[in-house]
């Protein structure tokens, strides 16, 4: 199958979760014999922090301006089996118009569907969706499941909607030896976001204040000078994906915090959650509806609603935290890898292209409750 993708970025993981997800998913699709072309506008912000120049099996097209590639893009779309545009693609609206007119199967993948729906409901502009909403594409994929699927159909006019959750590439994220500079009682890895700050205050910063003699570590980008650092919170500026495993594996437990819109909508696991679990790290997470469909609380993940819950989690015996981390890794490798999502994506696309087709030739990786191949029409 030939796929053409117009996305935010695959070449820079700086300050976004798109790149890491696409790298794993594209590798998995390429291994399964698919021909992939990824169009990315070469913006200065990502060019200055580029951490990938090439990817086996993927033709990455960097361009400065849409006019420079519109003719080549039109030919590529016309020759493709599937053409896809993602949320936050700088040229999403013109690219969506192109694939709606030219593609055999046009797809919009909203990798930020809770944010999209939240902005739409508040009446704020959404830069990657035009006045027609998503009515003109054949299929909409959503990073969130549950209520997001019907909301996308009702709010944006989508004709068909299916979830395609985040995933992890276990070749990148796996258990690694600890590194002293990342050692901590509790770690947190994530780009700064205003809507995550209240939870970060409650579940991380306050825990650090209560335990002044213990070491806490934050890794990420875009943290402001006004961030409420305490003397025992240590900061590691942006970590490229190859450094994530050592970061996660250098503390007995790591914190996952979900952005406000994602937590309120539910059924939307972050990529960081799967990454930490794949590394065998015990995870303590804020709660959101649907979390227990991906990991079993108390067995594969710990849940914290306040500072006391976090303190109780970090006080668990190290052997118990290690057991939870092993269970989380096992669940992730069984259900949440890029290979699983690639197979789910194949099935979704085949259902739309050939509804009567029976998938006899696909490997027996069966989607679970946490990754249903459901299709709303």
Protein backbone atom coordinates (compact mmCIF):
# COMPACT_ATOMS: atom_id res chain seq x y z
CA UNK A 1 0.00 0.00 0.00
CA UNK A 2 1.26 3.48 -0.86
CA UNK A 3 0.68 6.06 1.86
CA UNK A 4 1.31 9.79 1.62
CA UNK A 5 1.29 11.70 4.92
CA UNK A 6 1.27 15.45 5.51
CA UNK A 7 2.29 15.94 9.14
CA UNK A 8 3.67 18.34 11.71
CA UNK A 9 7.11 16.74 11.98
CA UNK A 10 8.89 13.42 11.92
CA UNK A 11 12.43 14.85 11.95
CA UNK A 12 12.34 16.73 15.29
CA UNK A 13 11.07 15.46 18.63
CA UNK A 14 11.62 18.85 20.26
CA UNK A 15 8.51 19.98 22.17
CA UNK A 16 6.04 17.63 20.47
CA UNK A 17 4.85 14.04 20.70
CA UNK A 18 4.11 13.59 17.01
CA UNK A 19 7.63 12.79 15.84
CA UNK A 20 8.30 9.86 18.15
CA UNK A 21 4.94 8.28 17.40
CA UNK A 22 5.38 8.65 13.63
CA UNK A 23 8.87 7.20 13.71
CA UNK A 24 7.67 4.03 15.38
CA UNK A 25 4.52 3.72 13.30
CA UNK A 26 6.33 4.37 10.00
CA UNK A 27 9.02 1.82 10.85
CA UNK A 28 6.30 -0.74 11.58
CA UNK A 29 4.41 0.04 8.38
CA UNK A 30 7.60 -0.09 6.31
CA UNK A 31 8.48 -3.48 7.81
CA UNK A 32 5.09 -4.69 6.65
CA UNK A 33 5.90 -3.69 3.09
CA UNK A 34 4.13 -0.36 2.78
CA UNK A 35 5.55 2.54 0.75
CA UNK A 36 5.46 5.76 2.80
CA UNK A 37 6.11 9.39 1.86
CA UNK A 38 6.06 11.95 4.67
CA UNK A 39 5.75 15.66 3.82
CA UNK A 40 7.02 18.08 6.49
CA UNK A 41 7.34 21.83 6.23
CA UNK A 42 10.91 22.79 7.11
CA UNK A 43 10.19 25.36 9.84
CA UNK A 44 13.10 27.03 11.69
CA UNK A 45 11.94 25.85 15.12
CA UNK A 46 12.22 22.16 14.25
CA UNK A 47 15.17 22.63 11.90
CA UNK A 48 17.19 23.98 14.82
CA UNK A 49 16.40 20.87 16.89
CA UNK A 50 16.36 18.15 14.25
CA UNK A 51 17.26 14.72 15.63
CA UNK A 52 16.43 12.52 12.64
CA UNK A 53 17.56 12.98 9.04
CA UNK A 54 16.42 9.74 7.42
CA UNK A 55 14.25 6.74 8.20
CA UNK A 56 14.51 3.39 6.43
CA UNK A 57 11.53 2.73 4.22
CA UNK A 58 10.23 6.30 4.42
CA UNK A 59 10.72 9.08 1.89
CA UNK A 60 10.85 12.28 3.96
CA UNK A 61 10.13 15.40 1.93
CA UNK A 62 11.14 18.67 3.62
CA UNK A 63 9.82 21.80 1.95
CA UNK A 64 9.99 25.53 2.65
CA UNK A 65 6.68 26.59 1.17
CA UNK A 66 3.57 24.75 0.00
CA UNK A 67 3.84 26.31 -3.44
CA UNK A 68 7.21 24.61 -3.87
CA UNK A 69 5.73 21.13 -3.57
CA UNK A 70 2.06 21.42 -4.47
CA UNK A 71 2.48 19.89 -7.93
CA UNK A 72 4.68 17.03 -6.69
CA UNK A 73 2.33 16.50 -3.75
CA UNK A 74 -0.67 16.35 -6.08
CA UNK A 75 1.04 13.68 -8.20
CA UNK A 76 2.01 11.69 -5.11
CA UNK A 77 -1.53 11.82 -3.73
CA UNK A 78 -3.06 10.76 -7.04
CA UNK A 79 -0.69 7.78 -7.15
CA UNK A 80 -1.29 6.74 -3.52
CA UNK A 81 -3.70 4.22 -2.08
CA UNK A 82 -4.13 6.39 1.03
CA UNK A 83 -3.36 10.06 1.67
CA UNK A 84 -3.42 11.42 5.20
CA UNK A 85 -3.22 14.84 6.87
CA UNK A 86 -2.55 15.24 10.58
CA UNK A 87 -3.48 17.84 13.16
CA UNK A 88 -1.03 20.73 13.52
CA UNK A 89 0.35 20.19 10.03
CA UNK A 90 1.21 23.78 9.02
CA UNK A 91 -0.47 23.28 5.63
CA UNK A 92 -3.28 21.06 6.88
CA UNK A 93 -6.16 22.94 5.26
CA UNK A 94 -4.72 23.08 1.72
CA UNK A 95 -3.43 19.52 2.08
CA UNK A 96 -6.85 18.32 3.23
CA UNK A 97 -8.46 19.96 0.20
CA UNK A 98 -5.90 18.25 -2.00
CA UNK A 99 -6.41 14.75 -0.63
CA UNK A 100 -10.21 15.14 -0.61
CA UNK A 101 -10.07 15.90 -4.36
CA UNK A 102 -7.31 13.53 -5.48
CA UNK A 103 -6.87 10.59 -3.10
CA UNK A 104 -8.28 7.12 -3.53
CA UNK A 105 -8.82 7.20 0.25
CA UNK A 106 -8.52 10.47 2.15
CA UNK A 107 -7.82 10.37 5.89
CA UNK A 108 -7.43 13.02 8.59
CA UNK A 109 -5.59 11.81 11.69
CA UNK A 110 -6.37 14.08 14.63
CA UNK A 111 -3.47 13.33 16.95
CA UNK A 112 -4.77 16.06 19.25
CA UNK A 113 -8.50 15.35 19.17
CA UNK A 114 -9.23 16.41 22.79
CA UNK A 115 -7.56 19.76 22.12
CA UNK A 116 -9.40 20.12 18.82
CA UNK A 117 -12.79 19.43 20.38
CA UNK A 118 -12.08 21.67 23.36
CA UNK A 119 -11.17 24.59 21.09
CA UNK A 120 -14.18 24.00 18.85
CA UNK A 121 -16.55 23.96 21.82
CA UNK A 122 -15.06 27.22 23.11
CA UNK A 123 -15.38 28.82 19.70
CA UNK A 124 -11.61 29.26 19.30
CA UNK A 125 -10.00 28.94 15.86
CA UNK A 126 -8.36 25.62 14.96
CA UNK A 127 -5.57 26.28 12.49
CA UNK A 128 -5.58 22.81 10.91
CA UNK A 129 -9.31 22.47 10.19
CA UNK A 130 -11.07 24.48 7.49
CA UNK A 131 -14.63 25.84 7.34
CA UNK A 132 -16.00 22.50 6.07
CA UNK A 133 -14.79 20.70 9.16
CA UNK A 134 -13.87 17.12 8.29
CA UNK A 135 -16.86 16.39 6.06
CA UNK A 136 -14.81 16.10 2.89
CA UNK A 137 -12.47 13.27 3.93
CA UNK A 138 -13.40 9.61 3.79
CA UNK A 139 -12.13 8.72 7.26
CA UNK A 140 -11.09 10.47 10.47
CA UNK A 141 -8.70 8.76 12.87
CA UNK A 142 -8.73 9.98 16.45
CA UNK A 143 -5.98 9.81 19.05
CA UNK A 144 -8.77 9.51 21.63
CA UNK A 145 -11.54 6.93 21.77
CA UNK A 146 -14.71 6.84 23.82
CA UNK A 147 -16.84 9.98 23.65
CA UNK A 148 -14.36 11.65 21.25
CA UNK A 149 -15.56 9.48 18.36
CA UNK A 150 -19.17 10.68 18.40
CA UNK A 151 -18.05 14.24 19.22
CA UNK A 152 -15.84 14.34 16.11
CA UNK A 153 -18.71 13.10 13.99
CA UNK A 154 -21.23 15.53 15.49
CA UNK A 155 -18.99 18.58 15.79
CA UNK A 156 -16.83 18.24 12.68
CA UNK A 157 -19.17 16.35 10.36
CA UNK A 158 -16.90 13.32 9.97
CA UNK A 159 -18.50 10.50 8.01
CA UNK A 160 -16.42 7.68 9.51
CA UNK A 161 -14.40 7.82 12.71
CA UNK A 162 -12.07 5.25 14.28
CA UNK A 163 -9.56 5.43 17.16
CA UNK A 164 -5.85 5.03 16.54
CA UNK A 165 -4.22 5.36 19.95
CA UNK A 166 -0.65 6.22 20.76
CA UNK A 167 1.97 3.51 20.79
CA UNK A 168 5.63 2.81 21.48
CA UNK A 169 8.54 1.41 19.50
CA UNK A 170 10.07 -1.22 21.83
CA UNK A 171 13.30 -1.13 19.83
CA UNK A 172 13.78 2.43 21.15
CA UNK A 173 12.05 2.28 24.54
CA UNK A 174 13.27 -0.69 26.56
CA UNK A 175 14.95 -1.34 29.93
CA UNK A 176 18.36 0.32 30.19
CA UNK A 177 20.98 0.79 32.92
CA UNK A 178 20.36 3.74 35.21
CA UNK A 179 22.41 6.90 34.77
CA UNK A 180 23.41 8.94 37.85
CA UNK A 181 22.44 12.33 36.39
CA UNK A 182 18.81 11.17 36.08
CA UNK A 183 18.62 9.44 39.48
CA UNK A 184 15.61 10.49 41.56
CA UNK A 185 12.99 9.39 44.03
CA UNK A 186 10.42 10.42 41.39
CA UNK A 187 10.93 11.55 37.80
CA UNK A 188 8.70 13.33 35.32
CA UNK A 189 9.25 13.69 31.57
CA UNK A 190 7.09 16.07 29.58
CA UNK A 191 7.01 19.31 27.63
CA UNK A 192 5.75 22.23 29.70
CA UNK A 193 2.04 23.01 29.24
CA UNK A 194 -0.10 25.49 31.19
CA UNK A 195 -2.98 23.05 31.40
CA UNK A 196 -0.76 20.38 32.99
CA UNK A 197 0.64 22.73 35.60
CA UNK A 198 -2.08 22.35 38.29
CA UNK A 199 -1.61 18.58 38.29
CA UNK A 200 2.18 18.97 38.21
CA UNK A 201 1.96 21.31 41.21
CA UNK A 202 -0.19 18.82 43.12
CA UNK A 203 1.49 15.55 42.17
CA UNK A 204 5.15 16.52 41.79
CA UNK A 205 6.14 19.93 43.14
CA UNK A 206 4.21 19.57 46.40
CA UNK A 207 5.64 16.08 46.87
CA UNK A 208 9.13 17.55 46.46
CA UNK A 209 8.34 20.22 49.07
CA UNK A 210 7.15 17.59 51.55
CA UNK A 211 10.32 15.52 50.98
CA UNK A 212 13.10 18.17 50.89
CA UNK A 213 15.86 15.61 51.48
CA UNK A 214 14.92 13.55 48.43
CA UNK A 215 15.79 14.22 44.80
CA UNK A 216 13.16 14.87 42.11
CA UNK A 217 13.96 15.22 38.39
CA UNK A 218 12.04 16.85 35.53
CA UNK A 219 13.00 16.40 31.89
CA UNK A 220 11.47 18.39 29.07
CA UNK A 221 11.36 21.55 27.01
CA UNK A 222 9.76 25.00 27.13
CA UNK A 223 9.76 25.40 30.92
CA UNK A 224 9.46 29.11 31.80
CA UNK A 225 11.72 31.04 34.14
CA UNK A 226 8.72 31.49 36.46
CA UNK A 227 8.36 27.73 37.03
CA UNK A 228 8.16 27.06 40.82
CA UNK A 229 11.42 25.18 41.23
CA UNK A 230 12.38 23.89 44.66
CA UNK A 231 16.00 23.24 45.73
CA UNK A 232 15.54 19.45 45.39
CA UNK A 233 14.00 19.51 41.89
CA UNK A 234 16.62 19.06 39.19
CA UNK A 235 15.95 19.92 35.54
CA UNK A 236 17.16 18.14 32.43
CA UNK A 237 16.48 20.16 29.31
CA UNK A 238 14.90 18.43 26.32
CA UNK A 239 15.90 14.78 26.00
CA UNK A 240 15.96 13.18 22.54
CA UNK A 241 14.07 9.86 22.30
CA UNK A 242 17.22 7.69 22.58
CA UNK A 243 17.80 9.17 26.05
CA UNK A 244 14.28 8.51 27.33
CA UNK A 245 14.87 4.89 28.43
CA UNK A 246 17.83 5.78 30.66
CA UNK A 247 15.78 8.64 32.14
CA UNK A 248 12.82 6.39 32.97
CA UNK A 249 15.05 3.59 34.27
CA UNK A 250 17.02 5.84 36.63
CA UNK A 251 14.24 6.25 39.18
CA UNK A 252 12.08 3.57 40.82
CA UNK A 253 8.91 5.33 39.71
CA UNK A 254 7.96 7.99 37.16
CA UNK A 255 4.98 10.32 36.98
CA UNK A 256 2.52 10.60 34.08
CA UNK A 257 0.37 13.72 33.81
CA UNK A 258 -2.35 14.11 31.20
CA UNK A 259 -3.21 17.44 29.61
CA UNK A 260 -6.49 18.92 30.87
CA UNK A 261 -8.54 18.46 27.69
CA UNK A 262 -7.24 14.91 27.26
CA UNK A 263 -8.03 13.98 30.87
CA UNK A 264 -11.51 15.52 30.76
CA UNK A 265 -12.44 13.67 27.56
CA UNK A 266 -10.81 10.40 28.64
CA UNK A 267 -9.81 7.32 26.67
CA UNK A 268 -6.64 9.04 25.50
CA UNK A 269 -3.35 7.55 26.75
CA UNK A 270 -0.27 9.66 26.15
CA UNK A 271 2.72 8.37 24.24
CA UNK A 272 4.89 9.01 27.32
CA UNK A 273 2.75 6.56 29.29
CA UNK A 274 3.51 3.73 26.87
CA UNK A 275 7.17 4.74 26.61
CA UNK A 276 7.73 4.59 30.37
CA UNK A 277 5.86 1.29 30.63
CA UNK A 278 7.88 -0.23 27.78
CA UNK A 279 11.04 0.65 29.70
CA UNK A 280 9.76 -1.36 32.65
CA UNK A 281 9.38 1.70 34.85
CA UNK A 282 6.65 1.79 37.48
CA UNK A 283 4.26 4.62 36.58
CA UNK A 284 2.06 6.70 38.85
CA UNK A 285 -0.54 8.58 36.80
CA UNK A 286 -3.34 11.03 37.23
CA UNK A 287 -6.76 9.45 36.68
CA UNK A 288 -8.92 9.77 33.56
CA UNK A 289 -11.86 7.74 32.26
CA UNK A 290 -10.64 4.72 30.33
CA UNK A 291 -7.21 4.47 31.94
CA UNK A 292 -8.15 1.05 33.33
CA UNK A 293 -8.80 -0.21 29.78
CA UNK A 294 -5.10 0.22 28.98
CA UNK A 295 -3.47 -0.72 32.31
CA UNK A 296 -4.87 -2.37 35.43
CA UNK A 297 -4.63 0.02 38.43
CA UNK A 298 -2.68 -1.44 41.32
CA UNK A 299 -1.26 -4.20 39.16
CA UNK A 300 0.25 -2.48 36.10
CA UNK A 301 -0.03 1.18 37.08
CA UNK A 302 -0.54 3.32 40.18
CA UNK A 303 -3.11 6.13 40.29
CA UNK A 304 -2.71 9.42 42.17
CA UNK A 305 -5.36 12.04 42.73
CA UNK A 306 -3.44 14.09 45.31
CA UNK A 307 -0.03 14.56 46.93
CA UNK A 308 -0.72 11.89 49.53
CA UNK A 309 -1.29 9.30 46.80
CA UNK A 310 2.05 10.15 45.19
CA UNK A 311 3.87 9.92 48.51
CA UNK A 312 2.25 6.54 49.18
CA UNK A 313 3.35 5.33 45.74
CA UNK A 314 6.99 6.36 46.14
CA UNK A 315 7.07 4.76 49.60
CA UNK A 316 6.14 1.34 48.26
CA UNK A 317 8.91 -1.27 48.56
CA UNK A 318 11.31 -1.18 45.63
CA UNK A 319 10.50 -4.83 44.87
CA UNK A 320 6.81 -3.97 44.51
CA UNK A 321 7.54 -1.03 42.22
CA UNK A 322 9.78 -3.25 40.12
CA UNK A 323 6.97 -5.84 39.87
CA UNK A 324 4.50 -3.18 38.72
CA UNK A 325 7.02 -1.96 36.14
CA UNK A 326 7.51 -5.49 34.77
CA UNK A 327 3.75 -6.00 34.53
CA UNK A 328 3.33 -2.67 32.70
CA UNK A 329 6.04 -3.60 30.22
CA UNK A 330 4.42 -6.98 29.60
CA UNK A 331 1.03 -5.36 28.93
CA UNK A 332 2.60 -2.77 26.64
CA UNK A 333 4.49 -5.32 24.56
CA UNK A 334 1.31 -7.40 24.27
CA UNK A 335 -1.02 -4.60 23.17
CA UNK A 336 0.47 -1.14 22.69
CA UNK A 337 3.45 -1.31 20.33
CA UNK A 338 3.79 0.44 16.98
CA UNK A 339 3.41 -2.97 15.31
CA UNK A 340 0.02 -3.44 16.94
CA UNK A 341 -1.11 0.02 15.81
CA UNK A 342 0.18 -0.61 12.27
CA UNK A 343 -1.93 -3.75 12.05
CA UNK A 344 -4.94 -1.91 13.47
CA UNK A 345 -4.43 0.86 10.91
CA UNK A 346 -4.24 -1.68 8.08
CA UNK A 347 -7.52 -3.20 9.20
CA UNK A 348 -9.27 0.17 9.47
CA UNK A 349 -8.10 1.23 5.99
CA UNK A 350 -9.03 -2.12 4.45
CA UNK A 351 -12.50 -1.92 5.99
CA UNK A 352 -13.07 1.42 4.26
CA UNK A 353 -11.42 0.50 0.96
CA UNK A 354 -12.94 -2.98 0.75
CA UNK A 355 -15.75 -3.41 3.29
CA UNK A 356 -16.42 -6.97 2.19
CA UNK A 357 -12.74 -8.01 2.54
CA UNK A 358 -11.95 -10.66 5.14
CA UNK A 359 -8.48 -10.20 6.63
CA UNK A 360 -7.23 -13.79 6.30
CA UNK A 361 -3.63 -12.77 5.59
CA UNK A 362 -3.01 -10.49 8.55
CA UNK A 363 -1.02 -11.86 11.51
CA UNK A 364 -3.10 -12.96 14.52
CA UNK A 365 -2.59 -9.84 16.61
CA UNK A 366 -6.10 -9.31 17.93
CA UNK A 367 -7.10 -5.82 19.15
CA UNK A 368 -8.18 -5.77 22.77
CA UNK A 369 -10.68 -3.64 24.63
CA UNK A 370 -7.95 -1.03 24.94
CA UNK A 371 -7.36 -0.89 21.20
CA UNK A 372 -10.64 -1.73 19.46
CA UNK A 373 -10.80 -1.55 15.71
CA UNK A 374 -14.20 0.09 16.01
CA UNK A 375 -15.52 2.17 13.17
CA UNK A 376 -18.32 4.67 13.57
CA UNK A 377 -20.17 5.59 10.40
